[in-house]
């Protein structure tokens, strides 16, 4: 597999080593547990009671909500928002939208990469789960209570609505849209614009 070998050569010999540390402009909440060799970039905000695993890199202008759990060796690219409320409303008798509180959290496994300008919403009551080795492209939206299985690849501008289930090693094509409550099995290929 020449492409795989090429990726390994680039990682081994051409990727610059970044020195771990937390920038002066980062804001860290209370009771945050930060592992070893973590990088937190400029103007990022880490909410209270969050956990950041060893070797994880959080780039610039990222918002990590309260109670969010991020595993080890993850990468969160710039301008992503993880663990804030999702879009949940119910209209009252006068037709006024009333927000449904989101009380769950986001749990991200190990070796996960979240692209730039992503949103991962915390669960309503249950949690939102992103399992190990998931990789998302830029501009991806993952709704509340979603479960993304191990090793999934989610490409640019894909949208996963609330409470959807995506099985292990499934590939979601660019601009695909998964309706709320849908379950997709393992090793599926969802084409561009689906």
C-alpha atoms as a PDB file:
ATOM      1  CA  UNK A   1       0.000   0.000   0.000  1.00  0.00           C
ATOM      2  CA  UNK A   2       2.164   2.909  -1.241  1.00  0.00           C
ATOM      3  CA  UNK A   3      -0.174   5.594   0.129  1.00  0.00           C
ATOM      4  CA  UNK A   4      -0.001   4.081   3.634  1.00  0.00           C
ATOM      5  CA  UNK A   5       3.788   3.806   3.447  1.00  0.00           C
ATOM      6  CA  UNK A   6       3.982   7.417   2.224  1.00  0.00           C
ATOM      7  CA  UNK A   7       1.886   8.570   5.218  1.00  0.00           C
ATOM      8  CA  UNK A   8       4.147   6.685   7.628  1.00  0.00           C
ATOM      9  CA  UNK A   9       7.317   8.171   6.103  1.00  0.00           C
ATOM     10  CA  UNK A  10       5.903  11.700   6.346  1.00  0.00           C
ATOM     11  CA  UNK A  11       4.882  11.156   9.976  1.00  0.00           C
ATOM     12  CA  UNK A  12       8.236   9.705  10.939  1.00  0.00           C
ATOM     13  CA  UNK A  13      10.625  12.072   9.179  1.00  0.00           C
ATOM     14  CA  UNK A  14       8.823  15.270   8.171  1.00  0.00           C
ATOM     15  CA  UNK A  15       6.256  16.127  10.837  1.00  0.00           C
ATOM     16  CA  UNK A  16       7.595  18.823  13.175  1.00  0.00           C
ATOM     17  CA  UNK A  17       7.676  18.073  16.890  1.00  0.00           C
ATOM     18  CA  UNK A  18       5.502  20.470  18.840  1.00  0.00           C
ATOM     19  CA  UNK A  19       6.461  21.286  22.407  1.00  0.00           C
ATOM     20  CA  UNK A  20       3.664  20.470  24.892  1.00  0.00           C
ATOM     21  CA  UNK A  21       2.239  23.305  26.943  1.00  0.00           C
ATOM     22  CA  UNK A  22      -0.685  25.614  27.587  1.00  0.00           C
ATOM     23  CA  UNK A  23      -0.601  29.084  26.056  1.00  0.00           C
ATOM     24  CA  UNK A  24      -1.022  32.163  28.244  1.00  0.00           C
ATOM     25  CA  UNK A  25      -4.278  33.133  26.509  1.00  0.00           C
ATOM     26  CA  UNK A  26      -6.026  29.797  27.135  1.00  0.00           C
ATOM     27  CA  UNK A  27      -8.785  29.826  29.758  1.00  0.00           C
ATOM     28  CA  UNK A  28      -9.040  26.743  31.955  1.00  0.00           C
ATOM     29  CA  UNK A  29     -12.105  26.151  34.166  1.00  0.00           C
ATOM     30  CA  UNK A  30     -12.177  24.640  37.638  1.00  0.00           C
ATOM     31  CA  UNK A  31     -11.534  20.964  38.427  1.00  0.00           C
ATOM     32  CA  UNK A  32     -10.043  20.292  34.973  1.00  0.00           C
ATOM     33  CA  UNK A  33      -7.831  17.224  34.683  1.00  0.00           C
ATOM     34  CA  UNK A  34      -5.107  17.694  32.056  1.00  0.00           C
ATOM     35  CA  UNK A  35      -2.863  14.747  31.200  1.00  0.00           C
ATOM     36  CA  UNK A  36       0.843  14.702  30.323  1.00  0.00           C
ATOM     37  CA  UNK A  37       2.261  16.266  27.149  1.00  0.00           C
ATOM     38  CA  UNK A  38      -0.955  18.138  26.319  1.00  0.00           C
ATOM     39  CA  UNK A  39      -0.968  21.170  24.010  1.00  0.00           C
ATOM     40  CA  UNK A  40      -3.631  23.870  24.389  1.00  0.00           C
ATOM     41  CA  UNK A  41      -3.500  26.667  21.826  1.00  0.00           C
ATOM     42  CA  UNK A  42      -4.171  30.387  21.822  1.00  0.00           C
ATOM     43  CA  UNK A  43      -7.529  31.611  23.174  1.00  0.00           C
ATOM     44  CA  UNK A  44      -8.941  28.142  23.699  1.00  0.00           C
ATOM     45  CA  UNK A  45     -11.458  27.690  26.501  1.00  0.00           C
ATOM     46  CA  UNK A  46     -11.667  24.516  28.568  1.00  0.00           C
ATOM     47  CA  UNK A  47     -14.833  24.255  30.687  1.00  0.00           C
ATOM     48  CA  UNK A  48     -15.026  23.100  34.267  1.00  0.00           C
ATOM     49  CA  UNK A  49     -14.754  19.402  35.140  1.00  0.00           C
ATOM     50  CA  UNK A  50     -13.330  18.554  31.713  1.00  0.00           C
ATOM     51  CA  UNK A  51     -10.748  15.809  31.243  1.00  0.00           C
ATOM     52  CA  UNK A  52      -8.023  16.044  28.575  1.00  0.00           C
ATOM     53  CA  UNK A  53      -6.013  12.851  28.046  1.00  0.00           C
ATOM     54  CA  UNK A  54      -2.233  12.464  27.660  1.00  0.00           C
ATOM     55  CA  UNK A  55      -0.693  13.675  24.421  1.00  0.00           C
ATOM     56  CA  UNK A  56      -3.815  15.471  23.175  1.00  0.00           C
ATOM     57  CA  UNK A  57      -3.447  18.661  21.140  1.00  0.00           C
ATOM     58  CA  UNK A  58      -6.145  21.328  21.259  1.00  0.00           C
ATOM     59  CA  UNK A  59      -5.399  24.024  18.714  1.00  0.00           C
ATOM     60  CA  UNK A  60      -6.392  27.699  18.690  1.00  0.00           C
ATOM     61  CA  UNK A  61      -9.801  29.204  19.537  1.00  0.00           C
ATOM     62  CA  UNK A  62     -11.355  25.868  20.536  1.00  0.00           C
ATOM     63  CA  UNK A  63     -14.203  25.699  23.066  1.00  0.00           C
ATOM     64  CA  UNK A  64     -14.477  22.564  25.203  1.00  0.00           C
ATOM     65  CA  UNK A  65     -17.681  22.598  27.277  1.00  0.00           C
ATOM     66  CA  UNK A  66     -18.095  21.652  30.920  1.00  0.00           C
ATOM     67  CA  UNK A  67     -17.852  17.937  31.784  1.00  0.00           C
ATOM     68  CA  UNK A  68     -16.410  16.962  28.387  1.00  0.00           C
ATOM     69  CA  UNK A  69     -14.092  13.945  28.414  1.00  0.00           C
ATOM     70  CA  UNK A  70     -11.380  13.715  25.738  1.00  0.00           C
ATOM     71  CA  UNK A  71      -9.115  10.681  25.516  1.00  0.00           C
ATOM     72  CA  UNK A  72      -5.382  10.438  24.865  1.00  0.00           C
ATOM     73  CA  UNK A  73      -3.507  11.309  21.657  1.00  0.00           C
ATOM     74  CA  UNK A  74      -6.396  13.277  20.178  1.00  0.00           C
ATOM     75  CA  UNK A  75      -6.263  16.332  17.923  1.00  0.00           C
ATOM     76  CA  UNK A  76      -8.911  19.052  18.077  1.00  0.00           C
ATOM     77  CA  UNK A  77      -8.344  21.536  15.252  1.00  0.00           C
ATOM     78  CA  UNK A  78      -8.957  25.279  15.470  1.00  0.00           C
ATOM     79  CA  UNK A  79     -12.360  26.906  15.995  1.00  0.00           C
ATOM     80  CA  UNK A  80     -14.205  23.736  16.966  1.00  0.00           C
ATOM     81  CA  UNK A  81     -16.862  23.704  19.693  1.00  0.00           C
ATOM     82  CA  UNK A  82     -17.328  20.515  21.690  1.00  0.00           C
ATOM     83  CA  UNK A  83     -19.822  19.975  24.481  1.00  0.00           C
ATOM     84  CA  UNK A  84     -22.216  22.910  24.248  1.00  0.00           C
ATOM     85  CA  UNK A  85     -26.004  22.560  23.954  1.00  0.00           C
ATOM     86  CA  UNK A  86     -27.542  21.135  20.808  1.00  0.00           C
ATOM     87  CA  UNK A  87     -30.557  22.401  18.904  1.00  0.00           C
ATOM     88  CA  UNK A  88     -33.540  21.168  20.891  1.00  0.00           C
ATOM     89  CA  UNK A  89     -36.809  23.093  21.180  1.00  0.00           C
ATOM     90  CA  UNK A  90     -40.478  22.384  21.742  1.00  0.00           C
ATOM     91  CA  UNK A  91     -43.163  24.981  21.074  1.00  0.00           C
ATOM     92  CA  UNK A  92     -45.479  26.029  23.907  1.00  0.00           C
ATOM     93  CA  UNK A  93     -49.238  26.689  23.576  1.00  0.00           C
ATOM     94  CA  UNK A  94     -48.545  30.074  21.939  1.00  0.00           C
ATOM     95  CA  UNK A  95     -46.061  28.595  19.474  1.00  0.00           C
ATOM     96  CA  UNK A  96     -43.002  30.047  21.232  1.00  0.00           C
ATOM     97  CA  UNK A  97     -39.963  27.729  20.990  1.00  0.00           C
ATOM     98  CA  UNK A  98     -38.863  26.576  24.479  1.00  0.00           C
ATOM     99  CA  UNK A  99     -35.318  25.236  24.812  1.00  0.00           C
ATOM    100  CA  UNK A 100     -34.930  21.639  25.969  1.00  0.00           C
ATOM    101  CA  UNK A 101     -32.014  21.600  28.443  1.00  0.00           C
ATOM    102  CA  UNK A 102     -29.062  19.418  27.485  1.00  0.00           C
ATOM    103  CA  UNK A 103     -27.762  17.749  30.641  1.00  0.00           C
ATOM    104  CA  UNK A 104     -25.488  15.075  29.169  1.00  0.00           C
ATOM    105  CA  UNK A 105     -21.882  15.407  28.094  1.00  0.00           C
ATOM    106  CA  UNK A 106     -19.521  14.520  25.258  1.00  0.00           C
ATOM    107  CA  UNK A 107     -17.181  11.554  25.625  1.00  0.00           C
ATOM    108  CA  UNK A 108     -14.386  11.262  23.060  1.00  0.00           C
ATOM    109  CA  UNK A 109     -12.186   8.165  22.899  1.00  0.00           C
ATOM    110  CA  UNK A 110      -8.465   7.820  22.149  1.00  0.00           C
ATOM    111  CA  UNK A 111      -6.676   8.803  18.925  1.00  0.00           C
ATOM    112  CA  UNK A 112      -9.626  10.857  17.667  1.00  0.00           C
ATOM    113  CA  UNK A 113      -9.166  13.785  15.299  1.00  0.00           C
ATOM    114  CA  UNK A 114     -11.822  16.503  15.185  1.00  0.00           C
ATOM    115  CA  UNK A 115     -11.440  18.840  12.198  1.00  0.00           C
ATOM    116  CA  UNK A 116     -11.566  22.627  12.178  1.00  0.00           C
ATOM    117  CA  UNK A 117     -14.916  24.367  12.621  1.00  0.00           C
ATOM    118  CA  UNK A 118     -16.643  21.225  13.912  1.00  0.00           C
ATOM    119  CA  UNK A 119     -19.465  21.142  16.418  1.00  0.00           C
ATOM    120  CA  UNK A 120     -20.079  18.176  18.699  1.00  0.00           C
ATOM    121  CA  UNK A 121     -23.148  18.744  20.861  1.00  0.00           C
ATOM    122  CA  UNK A 122     -23.529  17.339  24.356  1.00  0.00           C
ATOM    123  CA  UNK A 123     -26.322  14.880  25.016  1.00  0.00           C
ATOM    124  CA  UNK A 124     -29.784  15.849  26.159  1.00  0.00           C
ATOM    125  CA  UNK A 125     -29.925  13.352  29.016  1.00  0.00           C
ATOM    126  CA  UNK A 126     -27.650  10.585  27.767  1.00  0.00           C
ATOM    127  CA  UNK A 127     -24.169  11.369  26.438  1.00  0.00           C
ATOM    128  CA  UNK A 128     -22.748  11.932  22.962  1.00  0.00           C
ATOM    129  CA  UNK A 129     -20.018   9.369  22.178  1.00  0.00           C
ATOM    130  CA  UNK A 130     -17.165   9.572  19.671  1.00  0.00           C
ATOM    131  CA  UNK A 131     -15.284   6.278  19.925  1.00  0.00           C
ATOM    132  CA  UNK A 132     -11.572   5.521  19.393  1.00  0.00           C
ATOM    133  CA  UNK A 133      -9.817   6.329  16.090  1.00  0.00           C
ATOM    134  CA  UNK A 134     -12.640   8.432  14.613  1.00  0.00           C
ATOM    135  CA  UNK A 135     -11.468  11.136  12.193  1.00  0.00           C
ATOM    136  CA  UNK A 136     -13.631  14.078  11.136  1.00  0.00           C
ATOM    137  CA  UNK A 137     -12.883  16.519   8.363  1.00  0.00           C
ATOM    138  CA  UNK A 138     -13.485  20.287   8.660  1.00  0.00           C
ATOM    139  CA  UNK A 139     -17.045  21.702   8.934  1.00  0.00           C
ATOM    140  CA  UNK A 140     -18.668  18.577  10.429  1.00  0.00           C
ATOM    141  CA  UNK A 141     -21.671  18.757  12.775  1.00  0.00           C
ATOM    142  CA  UNK A 142     -22.446  15.973  15.254  1.00  0.00           C
ATOM    143  CA  UNK A 143     -25.732  16.409  17.110  1.00  0.00           C
ATOM    144  CA  UNK A 144     -26.768  15.555  20.650  1.00  0.00           C
ATOM    145  CA  UNK A 145     -26.846  11.914  21.796  1.00  0.00           C
ATOM    146  CA  UNK A 146     -25.087  10.700  18.638  1.00  0.00           C
ATOM    147  CA  UNK A 147     -22.877   7.621  18.867  1.00  0.00           C
ATOM    148  CA  UNK A 148     -20.044   7.369  16.336  1.00  0.00           C
ATOM    149  CA  UNK A 149     -18.370   3.956  16.259  1.00  0.00           C
ATOM    150  CA  UNK A 150     -14.665   3.155  16.218  1.00  0.00           C
ATOM    151  CA  UNK A 151     -12.597   4.118  13.196  1.00  0.00           C
ATOM    152  CA  UNK A 152     -15.271   6.097  11.333  1.00  0.00           C
ATOM    153  CA  UNK A 153     -14.232   8.681   8.751  1.00  0.00           C
ATOM    154  CA  UNK A 154     -16.564  11.676   8.491  1.00  0.00           C
ATOM    155  CA  UNK A 155     -15.746  14.042   5.638  1.00  0.00           C
ATOM    156  CA  UNK A 156     -16.301  17.735   4.965  1.00  0.00           C
ATOM    157  CA  UNK A 157     -19.680  19.277   5.768  1.00  0.00           C
ATOM    158  CA  UNK A 158     -21.294  16.004   6.845  1.00  0.00           C
ATOM    159  CA  UNK A 159     -24.106  16.464   9.358  1.00  0.00           C
ATOM    160  CA  UNK A 160     -25.307  13.862  11.863  1.00  0.00           C
ATOM    161  CA  UNK A 161     -28.594  14.748  13.565  1.00  0.00           C
ATOM    162  CA  UNK A 162     -29.464  13.919  17.148  1.00  0.00           C
ATOM    163  CA  UNK A 163     -29.573  10.356  18.469  1.00  0.00           C
ATOM    164  CA  UNK A 164     -28.189   8.815  15.261  1.00  0.00           C
ATOM    165  CA  UNK A 165     -25.936   5.746  15.528  1.00  0.00           C
ATOM    166  CA  UNK A 166     -23.006   5.261  13.166  1.00  0.00           C
ATOM    167  CA  UNK A 167     -21.375   1.818  13.178  1.00  0.00           C
ATOM    168  CA  UNK A 168     -17.632   1.100  13.324  1.00  0.00           C
ATOM    169  CA  UNK A 169     -15.438   1.975  10.309  1.00  0.00           C
ATOM    170  CA  UNK A 170     -18.240   3.637   8.365  1.00  0.00           C
ATOM    171  CA  UNK A 171     -17.335   6.393   5.882  1.00  0.00           C
ATOM    172  CA  UNK A 172     -19.633   9.414   5.531  1.00  0.00           C
ATOM    173  CA  UNK A 173     -19.100  11.331   2.306  1.00  0.00           C
ATOM    174  CA  UNK A 174     -18.923  15.118   1.904  1.00  0.00           C
ATOM    175  CA  UNK A 175     -22.236  16.922   2.496  1.00  0.00           C
ATOM    176  CA  UNK A 176     -24.009  13.758   3.613  1.00  0.00           C
ATOM    177  CA  UNK A 177     -26.844  14.294   6.061  1.00  0.00           C
ATOM    178  CA  UNK A 178     -27.993  11.686   8.567  1.00  0.00           C
ATOM    179  CA  UNK A 179     -31.512  12.186   9.913  1.00  0.00           C
ATOM    180  CA  UNK A 180     -32.134  12.064  13.675  1.00  0.00           C
ATOM    181  CA  UNK A 181     -32.591   8.606  15.127  1.00  0.00           C
ATOM    182  CA  UNK A 182     -31.158   6.751  12.093  1.00  0.00           C
ATOM    183  CA  UNK A 183     -28.858   3.771  12.693  1.00  0.00           C
ATOM    184  CA  UNK A 184     -26.138   2.890  10.185  1.00  0.00           C
ATOM    185  CA  UNK A 185     -24.234  -0.378  10.452  1.00  0.00           C
ATOM    186  CA  UNK A 186     -20.521  -1.171  10.407  1.00  0.00           C
ATOM    187  CA  UNK A 187     -18.231  -0.768   7.370  1.00  0.00           C
ATOM    188  CA  UNK A 188     -20.817   1.239   5.396  1.00  0.00           C
ATOM    189  CA  UNK A 189     -20.009   3.741   2.661  1.00  0.00           C
ATOM    190  CA  UNK A 190     -22.360   6.740   2.525  1.00  0.00           C
ATOM    191  CA  UNK A 191     -21.740   8.649  -0.700  1.00  0.00           C
ATOM    192  CA  UNK A 192     -21.230  12.328  -1.395  1.00  0.00           C
ATOM    193  CA  UNK A 193     -24.357  14.430  -0.878  1.00  0.00           C
ATOM    194  CA  UNK A 194     -26.471  11.540   0.450  1.00  0.00           C
END
